[in-house]
Amino acid sequence: NQHDYMNILEYIHIKTIRSGAPTDSKVVDGVVMRKNVAHRTMMSPIKNPKVLLLDTGIEYHRKHEFTRLQTYFQQQGDYIDRLVLKIQNLRPKPDIVLVTKNICCRAQVHLLNERITQVLNVKRSAMRRLSRATGARIVDCADHLDKIAPEKVIGTKCKSFRMTHFGMPPVRTAQMEGECNT
């Protein structure tokens, strides 16, 4: 079809990492980002991961009102526990959660105990590439996870996820590779 035009340059990106020789270069069939996981115990490779993309964070945003400190912490804890439970109850349960903002410490601990890898502060452009590659829908509000069909939210087209470190200390950069079927 002559009206069907696809600019392939939108899907090809070159990442430069200052270390090694030019012969160390390689082509990755998938999505590569300079990001790190929230906790170093999450760095093991994952085969056929199930991916959840959140265009938000997992944290408590209180309304601007006066409240007792104890009440605030109770509300915060209850809210975070409910969000994490919604993520845990998704079927299939995600192996990786990527967010554009932050994940509070309480949620990180709960997700770590469930063996869910977390990647924080992912750029929206990278989220769109990940969505296209994994088949995951980008969810803009974690509160509504239980109201969306899990098969539309969880991406399952990815073959592998791994963290790779490049460079020598103290200059260490992390690279996430997701070799995805597109």
Protein backbone atom coordinates (compact mmCIF):
# COMPACT_ATOMS: atom_id res chain seq x y z
CA ASN A 1 0.00 0.00 0.00
CA GLN A 2 1.54 3.33 -1.03
CA HIS A 3 -0.07 5.16 1.90
CA ASP A 4 1.47 2.77 4.42
CA TYR A 5 4.69 4.43 5.58
CA MET A 6 6.84 3.34 8.45
CA ASN A 7 9.93 5.27 9.48
CA ILE A 8 12.25 2.58 10.79
CA LEU A 9 14.51 5.19 12.41
CA GLU A 10 11.92 5.64 15.16
CA TYR A 11 12.62 2.05 16.25
CA ILE A 12 16.41 1.96 15.95
CA HIS A 13 18.49 3.53 18.70
CA ILE A 14 22.23 3.59 19.22
CA LYS A 15 23.45 3.53 22.81
CA THR A 16 27.05 4.51 23.50
CA ILE A 17 28.80 3.33 26.62
CA ARG A 18 32.35 4.60 27.19
CA SER A 19 34.34 1.47 27.82
CA GLY A 20 35.97 -1.25 25.81
CA ALA A 21 36.93 -1.30 22.17
CA PRO A 22 34.75 -0.75 19.09
CA THR A 23 34.91 -4.49 18.49
CA ASP A 24 32.97 -4.96 21.75
CA SER A 25 29.89 -3.47 20.04
CA LYS A 26 26.84 -5.64 19.54
CA VAL A 27 23.30 -5.51 18.19
CA VAL A 28 20.48 -6.26 20.60
CA ASP A 29 17.10 -7.37 19.29
CA GLY A 30 14.93 -5.64 21.85
CA VAL A 31 15.00 -2.64 24.19
CA VAL A 32 18.13 -1.40 25.94
CA MET A 33 18.06 1.26 28.66
CA ARG A 34 20.57 2.73 31.07
CA LYS A 35 18.72 1.95 34.26
CA ASN A 36 19.31 0.03 37.41
CA VAL A 37 17.03 -2.11 39.51
CA ALA A 38 15.81 -0.93 42.91
CA HIS A 39 17.76 -3.58 44.86
CA ARG A 40 20.87 -5.54 43.96
CA THR A 41 19.26 -8.90 44.74
CA MET A 42 16.91 -8.27 41.80
CA MET A 43 19.69 -8.51 39.24
CA SER A 44 19.32 -12.15 38.24
CA PRO A 45 18.25 -12.80 34.64
CA ILE A 46 14.59 -13.63 34.07
CA LYS A 47 13.43 -15.88 31.22
CA ASN A 48 10.05 -15.08 29.62
CA PRO A 49 9.27 -12.26 32.06
CA LYS A 50 5.83 -10.82 32.57
CA VAL A 51 6.11 -7.02 32.46
CA LEU A 52 3.97 -4.33 34.12
CA LEU A 53 4.45 -0.69 32.99
CA LEU A 54 3.21 2.11 35.28
CA ASP A 55 3.26 5.74 34.15
CA THR A 56 3.29 6.75 37.81
CA GLY A 57 4.98 5.71 41.02
CA ILE A 58 3.94 3.46 43.87
CA GLU A 59 3.81 5.97 46.67
CA TYR A 60 1.32 7.76 48.87
CA HIS A 61 0.20 11.25 47.91
CA ARG A 62 -1.63 12.81 50.79
CA LYS A 63 -4.22 15.47 50.33
CA HIS A 64 -3.35 18.87 51.76
CA GLU A 65 -5.20 18.68 55.03
CA PHE A 66 -4.22 18.70 58.66
CA THR A 67 -3.97 15.26 60.17
CA ARG A 68 -2.23 13.61 63.07
CA LEU A 69 1.11 12.02 62.25
CA GLN A 70 0.01 8.60 63.47
CA THR A 71 -3.13 8.78 61.31
CA TYR A 72 -1.06 9.83 58.29
CA PHE A 73 1.34 6.89 58.65
CA GLN A 74 -1.57 4.47 59.08
CA GLN A 75 -3.27 5.80 55.92
CA GLN A 76 0.00 5.66 54.01
CA GLY A 77 0.66 2.06 55.07
CA ASP A 78 -2.87 0.91 54.22
CA TYR A 79 -2.78 2.61 50.81
CA ILE A 80 0.62 1.14 49.86
CA ASP A 81 -0.42 -2.32 51.05
CA ARG A 82 -3.56 -2.14 48.86
CA LEU A 83 -1.55 -1.09 45.78
CA VAL A 84 0.99 -3.86 46.25
CA LEU A 85 -1.82 -6.39 46.76
CA LYS A 86 -3.39 -5.29 43.45
CA ILE A 87 -0.06 -5.92 41.70
CA GLN A 88 0.38 -9.30 43.42
CA ASN A 89 -3.15 -10.37 42.49
CA LEU A 90 -2.69 -9.76 38.76
CA ARG A 91 -2.76 -13.00 36.80
CA PRO A 92 -0.31 -13.61 35.39
CA LYS A 93 1.67 -12.04 38.23
CA PRO A 94 4.33 -9.63 36.88
CA ASP A 95 8.01 -10.49 37.21
CA ILE A 96 9.09 -6.92 36.48
CA VAL A 97 7.46 -3.58 37.35
CA LEU A 98 8.78 -0.48 35.59
CA VAL A 99 7.63 2.94 36.80
CA THR A 100 8.20 6.49 35.55
CA LYS A 101 8.49 7.81 39.09
CA ASN A 102 9.48 6.24 42.40
CA ILE A 103 8.44 3.27 44.54
CA CYS A 104 8.33 3.94 48.27
CA CYS A 105 10.46 1.82 50.57
CA ARG A 106 7.50 -0.10 52.04
CA ALA A 107 6.29 -1.14 48.55
CA GLN A 108 9.83 -2.05 47.47
CA VAL A 109 10.16 -4.44 50.40
CA HIS A 110 6.77 -6.08 49.72
CA LEU A 111 7.56 -6.48 46.00
CA LEU A 112 11.06 -7.76 46.76
CA ASN A 113 9.54 -10.42 49.04
CA GLU A 114 7.29 -11.46 46.12
CA ARG A 115 10.39 -11.67 43.86
CA ILE A 116 9.14 -8.85 41.63
CA THR A 117 11.98 -6.85 40.04
CA GLN A 118 11.53 -3.07 40.08
CA VAL A 119 12.99 -0.47 37.73
CA LEU A 120 12.47 3.16 38.77
CA ASN A 121 12.42 6.53 36.99
CA VAL A 122 12.05 5.14 33.47
CA LYS A 123 11.59 7.80 30.79
CA ARG A 124 8.24 7.88 29.01
CA SER A 125 9.93 7.39 25.62
CA ALA A 126 11.51 4.18 26.92
CA MET A 127 8.13 3.10 28.35
CA ARG A 128 6.55 3.49 24.90
CA ARG A 129 9.31 1.35 23.34
CA LEU A 130 8.85 -1.27 26.06
CA SER A 131 5.09 -1.24 25.55
CA ARG A 132 5.48 -1.85 21.84
CA ALA A 133 8.07 -4.59 22.35
CA THR A 134 6.41 -6.49 25.22
CA GLY A 135 2.73 -5.98 24.41
CA ALA A 136 2.13 -4.40 27.84
CA ARG A 137 -0.27 -1.50 28.16
CA ILE A 138 1.09 1.53 30.02
CA VAL A 139 -1.14 2.07 33.06
CA ASP A 140 -1.36 5.68 34.19
CA CYS A 141 -2.90 5.04 37.62
CA ALA A 142 -2.00 2.08 39.81
CA ASP A 143 -5.29 2.47 41.70
CA HIS A 144 -7.18 1.08 38.68
CA LEU A 145 -5.12 -2.09 38.16
CA ASP A 146 -7.94 -4.28 39.47
CA LYS A 147 -10.41 -2.77 36.99
CA ILE A 148 -8.39 -3.53 33.82
CA ALA A 149 -8.18 -6.99 32.28
CA PRO A 150 -4.75 -8.43 33.25
CA GLU A 151 -4.11 -9.75 29.73
CA LYS A 152 -4.21 -6.13 28.50
CA VAL A 153 -1.89 -4.86 31.24
CA ILE A 154 0.82 -7.54 31.49
CA GLY A 155 3.30 -7.83 28.63
CA THR A 156 4.35 -11.38 27.81
CA LYS A 157 6.20 -11.06 24.49
CA CYS A 158 9.65 -10.68 26.05
CA LYS A 159 12.09 -13.62 25.92
CA SER A 160 14.55 -12.42 28.56
CA PHE A 161 15.46 -9.62 30.95
CA ARG A 162 18.91 -9.04 32.34
CA MET A 163 21.09 -6.39 33.88
CA THR A 164 24.56 -5.91 32.43
CA HIS A 165 27.22 -3.69 34.00
CA PHE A 166 29.74 -1.85 31.85
CA GLY A 167 32.83 0.09 32.80
CA MET A 168 35.23 -0.04 35.66
CA PRO A 169 34.59 1.33 39.17
CA PRO A 170 33.89 4.08 40.08
CA VAL A 171 32.27 4.68 36.68
CA ARG A 172 29.66 1.91 36.55
CA THR A 173 26.68 2.06 34.26
CA ALA A 174 23.86 -0.42 34.13
CA GLN A 175 22.15 -1.62 30.99
CA MET A 176 18.82 -3.42 30.88
CA GLU A 177 18.31 -5.66 27.90
CA GLY A 178 14.96 -7.09 27.01
CA GLU A 179 15.17 -9.25 23.94
CA CYS A 180 11.58 -9.06 22.84
CA ASN A 181 9.60 -10.59 20.02
CA THR A 182 8.21 -7.68 18.04
